[in-house]
């Protein structure tokens, strides 16, 4: 699959990311947002992703201690990022949360210039500036009919943003090393560690809930989605992780990371309005239009 041209790989990656965000949002709001529910979701999602990656890669492939250790670290970061994102969207608006977390694209983008000597053109700097304007316009605090978090929501969003930026950095670090061909080992280790970590935390959270007497009966629909949602997310997540890891070693950070963050942001925000009845003000629609313009500059479609 990685032999496909970049223009074909990017839509597959973006589709997987958007699917995952929407299903995570539905799960957090309609099934459960307790720590036990989120850890269970993460555990099952990670198992499905690891299994699908093994199929897509035809096995683990070459082995090295470097990919094993970096994959394990990547797994911990990814697990915590999913946890913080799901907590954030359970207590605050999906669109606000998605916009704030999309700020993370600046971390690997700027790091590419400083640590990997990647040149950022004048047009791409304009695109990055427009992306910041998009984020500013999209977070319209005066918009009506939206759920608002509080200081806790803002703090969790910022933590999720930092973790999401670290995901991009770790991808870039691995794919610029001599072990870049060990994609199978790196990703399977990542999701095996994620599954094991989440399984332990899920058991711990379940025990605490039983002790506190907080366990509540679920509807038949919620019970079905408790299993279906992480399976769908796990299958969808395998593609962006595999593709983004590959592209992080092929495309400049200033091109790759804004594209795989801003495009899903625009789509998720629009879908949130349709599926979750989150109202978008005129200011936010303008912000999304600016976001599209930023993608054209960053990707090089518009340049001078």
Foldseek 3Di string as FASTA:
>chain_A
DLVDDPVVLLVLLLVLVLLLLVLLLCLLAPQHVALLLQLLLQQLLLVLLLVVLCVVVVHQPDDDPVLLVLLLVLLVLVLLLSNLLSNLSNQFPSLLLLLLLLVLLVLQQVCLCVPVVDDQDPLLVVLVVLSVVLSVLQPDVPDPDTGHHDPVSVVSSVSSSPSVNVSLVSLLVCCVDPNNVSLSSSNSSSSVSSNVVSVVSSVVSVVVCVVVVNDDDDDPVSVVSSNVSSNSSSVSNNSNSSNLSVVSNVDRSSQRSLSSRLVSSLVNNVVCCVPVVDDGDPSNVVSNVSSVVSNCSSNVVDDD
